[in-house]
Amino acid sequence: MESLTILKAAEKALLPIFSEIDNQVKQNLRKVLQAFRDHHVGVQHFSSVTGYGYSDLGRETFDLILAQIFQAEAALARVQMVSGTHAIACALFGILRPGDEMLSLTGAPYDTLEEVIGLRGEGQGSLKDFGISYRQIDLSADGQVDWEAISTAVDLQKTRLVAIQRSCGYSWRASLSIAQIEKIIAIVKRQNPNVVCFVDNCYGEFVESQEPTAVGADLMAGSLIKNPGGTIVTAGGYIAGRAEYVEAAALRLTSPGIGSHLGATFDQNRLLFQGLFLAPQMVGESLKSAHLIAYVFDKLGYKVNPAPFAPRQDVIQAVTMGSREKLIAFCRAIQKYSPVGSYLDPIPSNMPGYHDELVMAGGTFIDGSTSELSADGPLREPYIVFCQGGTHWTHTALVLEALLDQIHCSP
């Protein structure tokens, strides 16, 4: 009964926020529809070309549409990119050369990029292995961008690319707003206008009315089984930004001489177009779900990030569970009330690209899709669970109703 009381109070309190989210969805959907109209999308774009993928009309048109929506010179969306990390790696290896420096302005990178950079693991094939150095500006004590430090951070001789991670990842910090990203880029360009400003845009697409490429980012990358895929795209990643940099990334994905010109789409074009059309709505539902989780667990006395009613910059909601047992119990409850694999029991394990054991709940139609309701977290103190996605917030409400009855609700 207590859980129902809390949820009813949450739904009532969040109605104004939900209305604001619906207005945001409308703005982003307007952009998507305009791009579809401008490029005369028809059923002919849903067909695929086999083999090398020469002259795939759907693929080529989708790239143009994505670039228009993101206000970028060019975009590259490919099912051959196996993850957001792969897309980011293509971008980094496309730009950086031996002797260059990559500078992170938002502290430590997401776990899966540590081996790409060469911070962890054997280092074979990493940026470090190719003679590319790495440096980072740590966040301030309160988890914010260190504005004073980044104002003089660029090495005029070595820094070739600055990396900005929009989302919090597996850290307890605020994700970045588009306004903050714009400010960071302006600070960097004042130091050296030739430095490439790259943004890891995972989890951030369609949360606001603009993307990083609309406010000065030279390049950004993300996953197609997250926000832009609208919960139905089966695989892939994207890169968008200045045309020369997008093509440089494409050369790393394929090879010199091929670049962005080839790549079979394996009959996925319809899903790419339809997923992009659905994306603003699905992101809106994810944001409502995140607000609901924040409100409920805050009322129960847990630390949550972002706080209830706080503006959102991505679709991630973090809750400090405080113990290994509670983190696992949270994920097990999510899994039990998922539409797919509800009979499975999430078990902590090591996963490629991650340093710590992870526990993941993802009863999703697309395996690994974080646009659908999922939860995961590294098994390290203070045992934070990170919730993402939600195809409709009412599913999240039903899951919470069951979850609150199963986990110990005292922090």
Protein backbone atom coordinates (compact mmCIF):
# COMPACT_ATOMS: atom_id res chain seq x y z
CA MET A 1 0.00 0.00 0.00
CA GLU A 2 2.85 2.37 0.80
CA SER A 3 4.25 1.98 -2.71
CA LEU A 4 0.91 2.86 -4.31
CA THR A 5 0.61 5.97 -2.13
CA ILE A 6 4.10 7.14 -3.09
CA LEU A 7 3.50 6.50 -6.79
CA LYS A 8 0.17 8.32 -6.83
CA ALA A 9 1.80 11.31 -5.15
CA ALA A 10 4.65 11.17 -7.66
CA GLU A 11 2.35 11.10 -10.69
CA LYS A 12 0.39 14.08 -9.40
CA ALA A 13 3.49 16.11 -8.55
CA LEU A 14 5.14 15.40 -11.90
CA LEU A 15 2.23 16.37 -14.16
CA PRO A 16 3.67 19.85 -14.93
CA ILE A 17 7.07 18.29 -15.73
CA PHE A 18 5.43 15.72 -18.00
CA SER A 19 3.66 18.52 -19.87
CA GLU A 20 6.96 20.32 -20.41
CA ILE A 21 8.50 17.11 -21.75
CA ASP A 22 5.62 16.70 -24.21
CA ASN A 23 6.31 20.20 -25.54
CA GLN A 24 9.97 19.29 -25.99
CA VAL A 25 8.97 16.14 -27.85
CA LYS A 26 6.87 18.27 -30.19
CA GLN A 27 9.79 20.58 -30.97
CA ASN A 28 12.14 17.72 -31.79
CA LEU A 29 9.54 15.81 -33.78
CA ARG A 30 8.95 18.93 -35.86
CA LYS A 31 12.64 18.89 -36.85
CA VAL A 32 12.52 15.21 -37.74
CA LEU A 33 9.39 15.58 -39.86
CA GLN A 34 10.83 18.61 -41.65
CA ALA A 35 13.96 16.65 -42.58
CA PHE A 36 11.87 13.70 -43.82
CA ARG A 37 9.80 16.05 -45.97
CA ASP A 38 12.81 17.93 -47.30
CA HIS A 39 14.41 14.69 -48.49
CA HIS A 40 11.17 13.18 -49.86
CA VAL A 41 11.33 9.99 -47.83
CA GLY A 42 9.33 7.21 -49.50
CA VAL A 43 9.12 3.44 -49.49
CA GLN A 44 11.95 3.37 -52.04
CA HIS A 45 14.33 4.35 -49.23
CA PHE A 46 13.56 1.19 -47.27
CA SER A 47 15.22 -1.17 -49.78
CA SER A 48 18.81 -2.27 -49.29
CA VAL A 49 21.69 -3.02 -51.62
CA THR A 50 23.62 -6.24 -51.12
CA GLY A 51 27.35 -6.88 -51.21
CA TYR A 52 29.46 -3.76 -51.05
CA GLY A 53 26.45 -1.49 -50.73
CA TYR A 54 27.11 0.71 -53.72
CA SER A 55 24.56 3.50 -54.25
CA ASP A 56 22.31 2.56 -51.34
CA LEU A 57 19.68 5.31 -51.64
CA GLY A 58 18.26 4.70 -48.18
CA ARG A 59 21.65 4.80 -46.48
CA GLU A 60 22.73 7.95 -48.29
CA THR A 61 19.43 9.73 -47.59
CA PHE A 62 19.43 8.73 -43.94
CA ASP A 63 22.89 10.28 -43.52
CA LEU A 64 21.62 13.55 -45.03
CA ILE A 65 18.55 13.57 -42.79
CA LEU A 66 20.58 12.90 -39.66
CA ALA A 67 22.96 15.74 -40.57
CA GLN A 68 20.03 18.14 -41.05
CA ILE A 69 18.41 17.23 -37.74
CA PHE A 70 21.73 17.61 -35.91
CA GLN A 71 22.57 20.85 -37.79
CA ALA A 72 25.84 19.29 -38.93
CA GLU A 73 27.66 19.44 -42.26
CA ALA A 74 27.60 15.66 -42.56
CA ALA A 75 26.61 12.51 -40.72
CA LEU A 76 27.48 8.84 -40.95
CA ALA A 77 25.12 6.16 -39.60
CA ARG A 78 26.21 2.55 -40.02
CA VAL A 79 25.01 -0.77 -38.68
CA GLN A 80 28.64 -1.91 -38.94
CA MET A 81 29.42 0.17 -35.84
CA VAL A 82 28.93 -2.34 -33.06
CA SER A 83 28.39 0.19 -30.25
CA GLY A 84 28.68 3.80 -29.22
CA THR A 85 32.24 3.06 -28.07
CA HIS A 86 33.06 1.82 -31.57
CA ALA A 87 31.65 5.01 -33.11
CA ILE A 88 33.69 7.13 -30.68
CA ALA A 89 36.83 5.09 -31.42
CA CYS A 90 36.38 5.65 -35.16
CA ALA A 91 36.11 9.38 -34.54
CA LEU A 92 39.21 9.49 -32.31
CA PHE A 93 41.38 7.37 -34.58
CA GLY A 94 40.15 9.34 -37.58
CA ILE A 95 41.37 12.65 -36.15
CA LEU A 96 44.38 11.87 -33.96
CA ARG A 97 47.87 11.06 -35.22
CA PRO A 98 51.12 9.99 -33.51
CA GLY A 99 52.44 12.84 -31.37
CA ASP A 100 48.99 14.39 -30.86
CA GLU A 101 47.37 14.84 -27.49
CA MET A 102 43.78 14.03 -26.56
CA LEU A 103 42.54 16.21 -23.70
CA SER A 104 39.44 15.31 -21.70
CA LEU A 105 37.75 18.33 -20.15
CA THR A 106 35.14 16.36 -18.20
CA GLY A 107 37.31 14.18 -16.02
CA ALA A 108 37.80 10.45 -16.44
CA PRO A 109 36.21 8.89 -19.53
CA TYR A 110 33.47 6.27 -19.53
CA ASP A 111 34.76 2.82 -18.57
CA THR A 112 34.71 1.33 -22.08
CA LEU A 113 36.94 4.11 -23.43
CA GLU A 114 39.76 3.38 -21.00
CA GLU A 115 41.15 0.59 -23.19
CA VAL A 116 40.57 2.63 -26.36
CA ILE A 117 42.76 5.38 -24.91
CA GLY A 118 45.26 3.00 -23.31
CA LEU A 119 44.56 3.77 -19.66
CA ARG A 120 43.84 0.12 -18.86
CA GLY A 121 44.50 -3.28 -20.35
CA GLU A 122 47.36 -4.51 -22.52
CA GLY A 123 47.23 -1.41 -24.69
CA GLN A 124 47.46 -3.19 -28.03
CA GLY A 125 45.72 -1.10 -30.68
CA SER A 126 44.98 1.76 -28.28
CA LEU A 127 45.67 5.44 -28.90
CA LYS A 128 48.63 5.10 -26.57
CA ASP A 129 49.95 2.24 -28.69
CA PHE A 130 49.96 4.63 -31.65
CA GLY A 131 51.93 7.30 -29.80
CA ILE A 132 48.94 9.49 -28.94
CA SER A 133 49.06 10.95 -25.44
CA TYR A 134 46.16 11.57 -23.10
CA ARG A 135 45.53 14.15 -20.41
CA GLN A 136 42.44 15.06 -18.43
CA ILE A 137 41.14 17.96 -16.40
CA ASP A 138 39.40 16.53 -13.38
CA LEU A 139 36.01 17.78 -12.30
CA SER A 140 35.71 20.06 -9.31
CA ALA A 141 34.99 18.66 -5.86
CA ASP A 142 31.24 19.08 -6.41
CA GLY A 143 31.31 17.19 -9.72
CA GLN A 144 31.16 20.23 -12.00
CA VAL A 145 33.37 21.31 -14.91
CA ASP A 146 36.46 23.08 -13.58
CA TRP A 147 35.94 26.26 -15.57
CA GLU A 148 39.10 27.94 -14.32
CA ALA A 149 41.29 24.96 -15.14
CA ILE A 150 39.93 24.44 -18.66
CA SER A 151 40.44 28.12 -19.52
CA THR A 152 44.19 27.48 -19.85
CA ALA A 153 44.20 23.72 -20.43
CA VAL A 154 44.94 23.56 -24.16
CA ASP A 155 48.59 22.86 -25.04
CA LEU A 156 49.17 24.98 -28.13
CA GLN A 157 51.83 22.58 -29.39
CA LYS A 158 50.29 19.17 -28.69
CA THR A 159 46.54 19.27 -28.06
CA ARG A 160 44.77 18.18 -31.24
CA LEU A 161 41.39 17.11 -29.83
CA VAL A 162 39.43 17.90 -26.70
CA ALA A 163 36.86 15.35 -25.53
CA ILE A 164 33.63 16.35 -23.82
CA GLN A 165 31.47 13.61 -22.32
CA ARG A 166 27.91 14.87 -22.24
CA SER A 167 26.47 12.16 -20.02
CA CYS A 168 27.53 11.28 -16.48
CA GLY A 169 28.41 7.71 -17.44
CA TYR A 170 29.20 5.64 -14.34
CA SER A 171 30.05 8.67 -12.23
CA TRP A 172 28.10 10.73 -9.73
CA ARG A 173 28.18 14.04 -11.56
CA ALA A 174 25.80 16.29 -13.38
CA SER A 175 25.46 15.60 -17.09
CA LEU A 176 26.16 18.58 -19.32
CA SER A 177 23.56 20.84 -20.86
CA ILE A 178 23.87 22.13 -24.41
CA ALA A 179 24.52 25.59 -22.98
CA GLN A 180 27.44 24.24 -20.93
CA ILE A 181 28.86 22.40 -23.94
CA GLU A 182 28.64 25.60 -25.98
CA LYS A 183 30.51 27.46 -23.24
CA ILE A 184 33.26 24.81 -23.08
CA ILE A 185 33.74 24.91 -26.85
CA ALA A 186 33.98 28.71 -26.84
CA ILE A 187 36.66 28.55 -24.12
CA VAL A 188 38.66 25.98 -26.12
CA LYS A 189 38.40 27.85 -29.42
CA ARG A 190 39.65 31.05 -27.79
CA GLN A 191 42.82 29.18 -26.85
CA ASN A 192 43.25 27.50 -30.23
CA PRO A 193 40.57 27.62 -32.94
CA ASN A 194 42.16 24.64 -34.71
CA VAL A 195 41.59 22.18 -31.87
CA VAL A 196 38.87 19.65 -32.69
CA CYS A 197 36.05 19.72 -30.15
CA PHE A 198 34.59 16.21 -29.90
CA VAL A 199 31.48 15.31 -27.88
CA ASP A 200 30.47 11.86 -26.68
CA ASN A 201 26.73 12.38 -27.20
CA CYS A 202 25.50 9.00 -25.92
CA TYR A 203 22.23 9.22 -23.96
CA GLY A 204 21.79 12.90 -24.83
CA GLU A 205 20.09 12.98 -28.23
CA PHE A 206 16.68 14.73 -28.35
CA VAL A 207 16.75 15.59 -24.65
CA GLU A 208 17.02 19.27 -25.57
CA SER A 209 16.04 21.11 -28.75
CA GLN A 210 19.64 21.27 -30.04
CA GLU A 211 22.59 18.90 -30.27
CA PRO A 212 26.28 19.72 -29.69
CA THR A 213 26.96 20.15 -33.41
CA ALA A 214 24.46 23.03 -33.45
CA VAL A 215 26.53 24.98 -30.91
CA GLY A 216 30.03 24.56 -32.28
CA ALA A 217 31.09 20.94 -31.74
CA ASP A 218 33.29 19.82 -34.62
CA LEU A 219 32.37 16.17 -34.21
CA MET A 220 30.13 13.98 -32.07
CA ALA A 221 29.24 10.32 -31.90
CA GLY A 222 26.69 8.00 -30.33
CA SER A 223 24.85 4.70 -30.50
CA LEU A 224 21.81 3.90 -32.62
CA ILE A 225 20.43 1.46 -30.04
CA LYS A 226 20.18 4.34 -27.60
CA ASN A 227 18.13 7.52 -28.13
CA PRO A 228 18.24 7.96 -31.94
CA GLY A 229 17.05 4.42 -32.62
CA GLY A 230 13.65 4.93 -31.06
CA THR A 231 13.83 1.46 -29.41
CA ILE A 232 13.54 -0.43 -32.73
CA VAL A 233 16.90 -0.03 -34.50
CA THR A 234 18.73 -3.33 -34.11
CA ALA A 235 22.37 -2.21 -34.20
CA GLY A 236 24.73 0.56 -35.17
CA GLY A 237 26.24 3.91 -34.34
CA TYR A 238 26.55 7.37 -35.83
CA ILE A 239 29.06 10.19 -36.22
CA ALA A 240 28.12 13.76 -37.14
CA GLY A 241 29.90 17.08 -37.53
CA ARG A 242 32.18 18.83 -39.98
CA ALA A 243 32.27 16.95 -43.27
CA GLU A 244 36.05 16.48 -43.35
CA TYR A 245 36.08 15.00 -39.85
CA VAL A 246 33.12 12.71 -40.49
CA GLU A 247 34.89 11.37 -43.56
CA ALA A 248 38.11 10.92 -41.58
CA ALA A 249 36.18 8.76 -39.13
CA ALA A 250 34.60 6.82 -42.01
CA LEU A 251 38.08 6.00 -43.32
CA ARG A 252 38.83 4.29 -40.01
CA LEU A 253 35.53 2.41 -40.02
CA THR A 254 36.15 1.06 -43.52
CA SER A 255 39.46 1.89 -45.21
CA PRO A 256 41.23 4.64 -47.16
CA GLY A 257 39.71 4.87 -50.61
CA ILE A 258 36.33 3.56 -49.39
CA GLY A 259 35.34 5.82 -46.51
CA SER A 260 31.64 6.56 -46.34
CA HIS A 261 30.82 5.38 -49.87
CA LEU A 262 30.13 1.72 -49.11
CA GLY A 263 28.44 -0.42 -46.48
CA ALA A 264 25.48 -2.76 -46.92
CA THR A 265 22.54 -2.00 -44.64
CA PHE A 266 21.19 -5.57 -44.43
CA ASP A 267 17.53 -4.57 -44.89
CA GLN A 268 17.69 -2.28 -41.86
CA ASN A 269 16.81 0.97 -43.62
CA ARG A 270 13.13 0.99 -42.71
CA LEU A 271 13.96 0.46 -39.06
CA LEU A 272 16.52 3.28 -39.16
CA PHE A 273 13.99 5.73 -40.60
CA GLN A 274 11.13 4.58 -38.39
CA GLY A 275 13.31 4.54 -35.28
CA LEU A 276 14.47 8.10 -35.94
CA PHE A 277 10.84 9.18 -36.34
CA LEU A 278 9.95 7.56 -33.01
CA ALA A 279 13.06 8.81 -31.21
CA PRO A 280 11.73 12.12 -29.81
CA GLN A 281 8.69 10.38 -28.33
CA MET A 282 10.73 7.53 -26.87
CA VAL A 283 13.21 9.97 -25.33
CA GLY A 284 10.28 11.84 -23.80
CA GLU A 285 8.99 8.66 -22.17
CA SER A 286 12.50 7.90 -20.90
CA LEU A 287 12.68 11.34 -19.30
CA LYS A 288 9.32 10.84 -17.61
CA SER A 289 10.52 7.50 -16.31
CA ALA A 290 13.69 9.08 -14.93
CA HIS A 291 11.72 11.80 -13.14
CA LEU A 292 9.44 9.17 -11.63
CA ILE A 293 12.36 7.10 -10.31
CA ALA A 294 14.04 10.21 -8.89
CA TYR A 295 10.91 11.36 -7.09
CA VAL A 296 10.09 7.98 -5.57
CA PHE A 297 13.56 7.10 -4.32
CA ASP A 298 14.18 10.60 -3.02
CA LYS A 299 11.01 10.28 -0.93
CA LEU A 300 12.34 7.00 0.41
CA GLY A 301 15.53 8.70 1.58
CA TYR A 302 17.96 7.55 -1.09
CA LYS A 303 20.46 9.85 -2.78
CA VAL A 304 19.43 10.43 -6.38
CA ASN A 305 21.09 12.19 -9.31
CA PRO A 306 19.61 14.24 -10.91
CA ALA A 307 17.43 15.47 -8.08
CA PRO A 308 13.62 15.46 -8.40
CA PHE A 309 12.31 18.19 -10.72
CA ALA A 310 15.88 19.09 -11.86
CA PRO A 311 16.41 19.88 -15.55
CA ARG A 312 17.56 16.88 -17.58
CA GLN A 313 20.56 16.68 -19.90
CA ASP A 314 20.37 12.94 -20.63
CA VAL A 315 18.09 9.97 -19.96
CA ILE A 316 20.09 8.49 -17.07
CA GLN A 317 18.84 8.42 -13.50
CA ALA A 318 21.26 7.35 -10.77
CA VAL A 319 20.30 6.07 -7.32
CA THR A 320 22.81 5.28 -4.59
CA MET A 321 21.76 1.91 -3.22
CA GLY A 322 24.49 1.75 -0.58
CA SER A 323 25.24 -1.95 -0.74
CA ARG A 324 26.05 -4.71 -3.20
CA GLU A 325 22.94 -6.62 -2.15
CA LYS A 326 20.55 -3.72 -2.78
CA LEU A 327 22.09 -2.95 -6.17
CA ILE A 328 21.62 -6.56 -7.26
CA ALA A 329 18.09 -6.65 -5.80
CA PHE A 330 17.16 -3.51 -7.74
CA CYS A 331 18.33 -5.01 -11.04
CA ARG A 332 16.61 -8.32 -10.33
CA ALA A 333 13.30 -6.54 -9.73
CA ILE A 334 13.65 -4.60 -12.99
CA GLN A 335 14.39 -7.83 -14.87
CA LYS A 336 11.46 -9.68 -13.31
CA TYR A 337 9.00 -7.08 -14.55
CA SER A 338 10.50 -6.66 -18.02
CA PRO A 339 8.63 -7.82 -21.12
CA VAL A 340 11.50 -10.03 -22.30
CA GLY A 341 13.43 -12.52 -20.19
CA SER A 342 11.46 -11.90 -17.03
CA TYR A 343 12.39 -15.39 -15.86
CA LEU A 344 16.13 -14.60 -15.94
CA ASP A 345 18.15 -13.70 -12.86
CA PRO A 346 20.79 -10.94 -13.35
CA ILE A 347 24.10 -12.23 -12.00
CA PRO A 348 27.16 -10.00 -11.50
CA SER A 349 29.93 -10.72 -13.99
CA ASN A 350 32.89 -9.24 -15.81
CA MET A 351 32.20 -7.76 -19.23
CA PRO A 352 34.57 -6.77 -22.05
CA GLY A 353 35.63 -3.14 -21.73
CA TYR A 354 34.75 -2.75 -18.03
CA HIS A 355 37.09 -2.80 -15.04
CA ASP A 356 34.63 -3.87 -12.32
CA GLU A 357 32.01 -6.57 -12.18
CA LEU A 358 28.67 -5.36 -13.50
CA VAL A 359 25.11 -6.34 -12.82
CA MET A 360 22.62 -5.53 -15.57
CA ALA A 361 18.88 -5.77 -15.98
CA GLY A 362 17.76 -5.49 -19.56
CA GLY A 363 14.62 -7.36 -20.50
CA THR A 364 14.58 -5.50 -23.81
CA PHE A 365 13.41 -6.38 -27.31
CA ILE A 366 16.73 -5.11 -28.71
CA ASP A 367 19.55 -6.74 -26.78
CA GLY A 368 21.49 -4.04 -24.93
CA SER A 369 19.09 -1.26 -25.88
CA THR A 370 19.14 1.40 -23.21
CA SER A 371 16.25 3.22 -24.87
CA GLU A 372 14.07 0.54 -23.33
CA LEU A 373 13.80 0.37 -19.55
CA SER A 374 17.03 -1.03 -18.16
CA ALA A 375 19.26 -0.71 -15.11
CA ASP A 376 22.87 -1.54 -14.41
CA GLY A 377 25.82 -0.59 -12.29
CA PRO A 378 29.40 -1.49 -11.42
CA LEU A 379 29.79 -3.39 -8.18
CA ARG A 380 31.92 -0.84 -6.40
CA GLU A 381 31.20 1.58 -3.61
CA PRO A 382 28.90 3.41 -3.10
CA TYR A 383 26.92 0.91 -5.24
CA ILE A 384 25.05 3.20 -7.60
CA VAL A 385 22.42 1.87 -9.95
CA PHE A 386 22.02 3.69 -13.27
CA CYS A 387 18.56 3.53 -14.85
CA GLN A 388 17.92 4.34 -18.50
CA GLY A 389 15.15 4.34 -21.01
CA GLY A 390 11.50 3.42 -20.93
CA THR A 391 9.19 3.02 -23.90
CA HIS A 392 6.34 4.42 -21.80
CA TRP A 393 6.45 5.82 -18.29
CA THR A 394 3.48 3.74 -17.17
CA HIS A 395 5.65 0.62 -17.51
CA THR A 396 8.18 2.25 -15.19
CA ALA A 397 5.37 2.99 -12.73
CA LEU A 398 4.30 -0.67 -12.73
CA VAL A 399 7.90 -1.79 -12.27
CA LEU A 400 8.38 0.62 -9.37
CA GLU A 401 5.20 -0.61 -7.73
CA ALA A 402 6.57 -4.14 -7.73
CA LEU A 403 10.13 -3.09 -6.97
CA LEU A 404 9.25 -1.13 -3.86
CA ASP A 405 7.56 -4.18 -2.44
CA GLN A 406 10.67 -6.31 -3.00
CA ILE A 407 13.69 -4.27 -1.95
CA HIS A 408 14.38 -2.89 1.49
CA CYS A 409 13.30 0.70 1.28
CA SER A 410 15.49 2.10 4.07
CA PRO A 411 18.87 3.32 2.79
